[in-house]
N, C-alpha and C. Protein backbone atom coordinates (compact mmCIF):
# COMPACT_ATOMS: atom_id res chain seq x y z
N MET A 1 177.03 82.93 -36.71
CA MET A 1 176.58 83.58 -37.50
C MET A 1 176.74 84.77 -37.01
N PRO A 2 175.98 85.81 -38.43
CA PRO A 2 174.79 86.80 -38.44
C PRO A 2 174.09 87.36 -37.76
N LYS A 3 174.11 88.12 -37.54
CA LYS A 3 172.13 89.22 -37.00
C LYS A 3 171.84 88.68 -38.04
N LEU A 4 170.01 88.32 -38.33
CA LEU A 4 169.39 88.98 -38.85
C LEU A 4 168.96 90.04 -39.36
N LYS A 5 168.36 90.68 -39.88
CA LYS A 5 167.86 92.16 -40.57
C LYS A 5 166.02 91.36 -40.48
N THR A 6 165.22 92.40 -39.84
CA THR A 6 164.25 92.39 -39.66
C THR A 6 163.53 93.71 -40.84
N ASN A 7 162.68 92.77 -41.28
CA ASN A 7 161.95 93.47 -42.64
C ASN A 7 161.29 94.39 -41.94
N LYS A 8 161.28 95.80 -42.11
CA LYS A 8 160.29 96.86 -41.40
C LYS A 8 159.51 97.25 -41.63
N ALA A 9 158.74 96.93 -43.14
CA ALA A 9 157.89 96.81 -43.46
C ALA A 9 156.41 96.00 -42.59
N ALA A 10 157.62 94.78 -42.67
CA ALA A 10 156.20 94.44 -41.82
C ALA A 10 156.52 94.49 -40.46
N ALA A 11 157.19 94.64 -39.53
CA ALA A 11 157.76 95.02 -38.49
C ALA A 11 156.63 96.08 -38.11
N LYS A 12 155.91 96.92 -38.99
CA LYS A 12 155.11 97.90 -38.55
C LYS A 12 153.54 97.60 -39.01
N ARG A 13 153.77 96.36 -39.76
CA ARG A 13 152.64 95.47 -39.90
C ARG A 13 151.44 94.54 -39.00
N TYR A 14 152.88 93.61 -38.17
CA TYR A 14 152.90 92.81 -38.12
C TYR A 14 152.88 92.73 -36.59
N SER A 15 153.19 91.28 -35.19
CA SER A 15 153.24 91.10 -34.00
C SER A 15 153.31 90.20 -33.90
N HIS A 16 154.24 89.67 -33.25
CA HIS A 16 153.68 88.29 -32.11
C HIS A 16 153.41 88.21 -31.10
N THR A 17 152.00 87.36 -29.99
CA THR A 17 152.04 86.98 -29.33
C THR A 17 152.84 86.49 -28.30
N ALA A 18 152.65 86.19 -26.98
CA ALA A 18 152.96 85.77 -26.85
C ALA A 18 153.06 84.41 -26.33
N THR A 19 151.98 83.45 -27.32
CA THR A 19 152.26 81.98 -27.55
C THR A 19 152.44 81.78 -28.83
N GLY A 20 153.22 82.85 -29.79
CA GLY A 20 153.35 82.44 -30.76
C GLY A 20 152.74 82.83 -31.87
N LYS A 21 151.92 83.76 -32.00
CA LYS A 21 150.82 83.50 -33.28
C LYS A 21 151.27 84.88 -33.83
N VAL A 22 150.47 84.83 -35.05
CA VAL A 22 151.25 86.70 -35.60
C VAL A 22 150.05 87.67 -35.70
N LYS A 23 149.86 88.97 -34.83
CA LYS A 23 148.94 89.61 -34.76
C LYS A 23 148.70 90.39 -36.26
N ARG A 24 147.57 91.05 -35.78
CA ARG A 24 147.37 91.69 -37.56
C ARG A 24 146.05 92.74 -36.60
N THR A 25 146.21 94.07 -38.23
CA THR A 25 145.13 94.77 -37.98
C THR A 25 144.38 94.65 -38.94
N HIS A 26 143.10 94.92 -38.81
CA HIS A 26 142.00 94.71 -39.92
C HIS A 26 142.19 96.37 -41.24
N ALA A 27 142.08 96.13 -42.19
CA ALA A 27 141.85 97.39 -43.44
C ALA A 27 140.72 97.49 -43.36
N ASN A 28 140.83 98.69 -44.26
CA ASN A 28 139.91 99.86 -44.60
C ASN A 28 139.79 100.22 -43.02
N SER A 29 139.92 100.82 -42.40
CA SER A 29 139.52 101.29 -40.68
C SER A 29 140.60 102.85 -40.76
N ARG A 30 141.28 103.61 -41.94
CA ARG A 30 141.68 104.59 -41.58
C ARG A 30 140.42 105.74 -42.44
N HIS A 31 140.09 105.32 -43.25
CA HIS A 31 139.51 106.78 -44.26
C HIS A 31 138.70 106.73 -44.79
N ARG A 32 137.59 107.37 -45.56
CA ARG A 32 136.00 107.24 -45.28
C ARG A 32 135.26 105.92 -44.02
N LEU A 33 135.62 107.00 -43.98
CA LEU A 33 134.25 105.91 -42.51
C LEU A 33 132.85 106.43 -42.14
N ALA A 34 132.72 107.19 -43.26
CA ALA A 34 131.27 107.92 -42.50
C ALA A 34 130.72 106.46 -43.65
N THR A 35 131.30 105.84 -44.27
CA THR A 35 130.27 105.71 -45.62
C THR A 35 130.10 103.89 -44.94
N LYS A 36 130.67 103.93 -43.89
CA LYS A 36 130.56 102.50 -42.90
C LYS A 36 129.56 102.56 -41.75
N THR A 37 129.34 101.32 -41.95
CA THR A 37 128.18 101.31 -40.51
C THR A 37 128.98 101.40 -39.26
N SER A 38 128.57 101.20 -38.60
CA SER A 38 128.80 101.32 -37.08
C SER A 38 129.23 99.74 -36.67
N ARG A 39 128.74 98.96 -37.01
CA ARG A 39 129.16 97.46 -36.93
C ARG A 39 130.12 97.80 -37.55
N GLN A 40 130.64 97.60 -38.73
CA GLN A 40 131.77 97.61 -39.89
C GLN A 40 133.16 97.68 -38.79
N LYS A 41 132.73 99.25 -38.59
CA LYS A 41 133.89 100.24 -37.54
C LYS A 41 134.18 99.21 -36.14
N MET A 42 133.16 99.02 -35.65
CA MET A 42 133.55 98.48 -34.91
C MET A 42 134.23 97.56 -34.61
N SER A 43 133.89 96.80 -35.44
CA SER A 43 134.73 95.34 -35.98
C SER A 43 135.65 94.88 -36.08
N ARG A 44 136.36 96.51 -36.17
CA ARG A 44 137.81 96.75 -37.44
C ARG A 44 138.65 97.41 -36.14
N ARG A 45 137.79 97.59 -34.64
CA ARG A 45 139.69 97.81 -33.93
C ARG A 45 139.68 96.57 -32.72
N GLU A 46 138.83 95.90 -33.06
CA GLU A 46 139.49 94.30 -32.12
C GLU A 46 141.27 94.19 -33.57
N ASN A 47 142.44 93.36 -33.06
CA ASN A 47 143.19 92.64 -33.53
C ASN A 47 142.62 91.35 -34.45
N ALA A 48 143.75 91.28 -35.02
CA ALA A 48 142.80 89.80 -35.48
C ALA A 48 144.17 89.24 -35.83
N TYR A 49 144.22 87.96 -36.26
CA TYR A 49 145.03 86.54 -35.77
C TYR A 49 145.49 86.67 -37.37
N ALA A 50 147.12 86.74 -38.43
CA ALA A 50 147.23 85.98 -39.76
C ALA A 50 147.53 84.61 -39.99
N ASP A 51 147.10 84.33 -41.21
CA ASP A 51 145.90 83.31 -41.54
C ASP A 51 147.53 81.55 -41.04
N LYS A 52 146.75 81.07 -40.83
CA LYS A 52 148.06 79.58 -41.32
C LYS A 52 148.75 79.35 -42.38
N THR A 53 148.26 79.82 -43.38
CA THR A 53 148.71 79.73 -44.75
C THR A 53 150.68 80.35 -44.90
N VAL A 54 150.18 81.74 -44.51
CA VAL A 54 151.05 83.00 -44.08
C VAL A 54 151.82 83.35 -43.19
N GLU A 55 151.88 82.46 -41.96
CA GLU A 55 151.85 83.03 -40.57
C GLU A 55 153.85 82.30 -40.90
N ALA A 56 153.84 81.48 -41.27
CA ALA A 56 155.72 80.82 -41.52
C ALA A 56 156.13 82.19 -42.57
N GLY A 57 156.10 82.88 -43.45
CA GLY A 57 156.10 83.66 -44.48
C GLY A 57 156.37 85.50 -43.70
N ILE A 58 155.59 84.86 -42.83
CA ILE A 58 155.88 86.26 -41.83
C ILE A 58 156.77 86.11 -40.32
N LYS A 59 156.67 85.23 -40.38
CA LYS A 59 157.26 84.27 -39.08
C LYS A 59 159.48 84.64 -39.50
N LYS A 60 159.36 84.68 -40.46
CA LYS A 60 160.53 84.53 -41.14
C LYS A 60 161.88 86.14 -41.43
N LEU A 61 160.16 86.77 -42.12
CA LEU A 61 160.65 88.80 -42.05
C LEU A 61 160.79 89.24 -40.75
N LEU A 62 160.12 88.09 -39.50
CA LEU A 62 160.65 88.83 -38.94
C LEU A 62 161.43 88.30 -37.52
N PRO A 63 162.47 88.05 -37.54
CA PRO A 63 163.31 87.02 -37.00
C PRO A 63 163.46 86.69 -36.01
N TYR A 64 162.70 88.26 -34.97
CA TYR A 64 163.15 88.37 -33.58
C TYR A 64 162.43 88.54 -32.66
N GLY A 65 160.71 87.98 -33.53
CA GLY A 65 159.11 88.45 -32.58
C GLY A 65 159.20 89.88 -33.07
N ASN A 66 159.80 90.86 -32.90
CA ASN A 66 159.18 92.10 -32.82
C ASN A 66 157.98 92.55 -32.77
């Protein structure tokens, strides 16, 4: 069986945890931060997990876990 290609766009945005969940970062944390409150900026620092409904599709794009 041939090797499967990793989708590089997805590899830059998502990664797997040891338990198999898909980890992602929060949106809106790159620029225009002066208008956001400290609480908003602080909550965006933490990683989030992808929703269960899209997890299967993301795992298909990342066959080797990246």
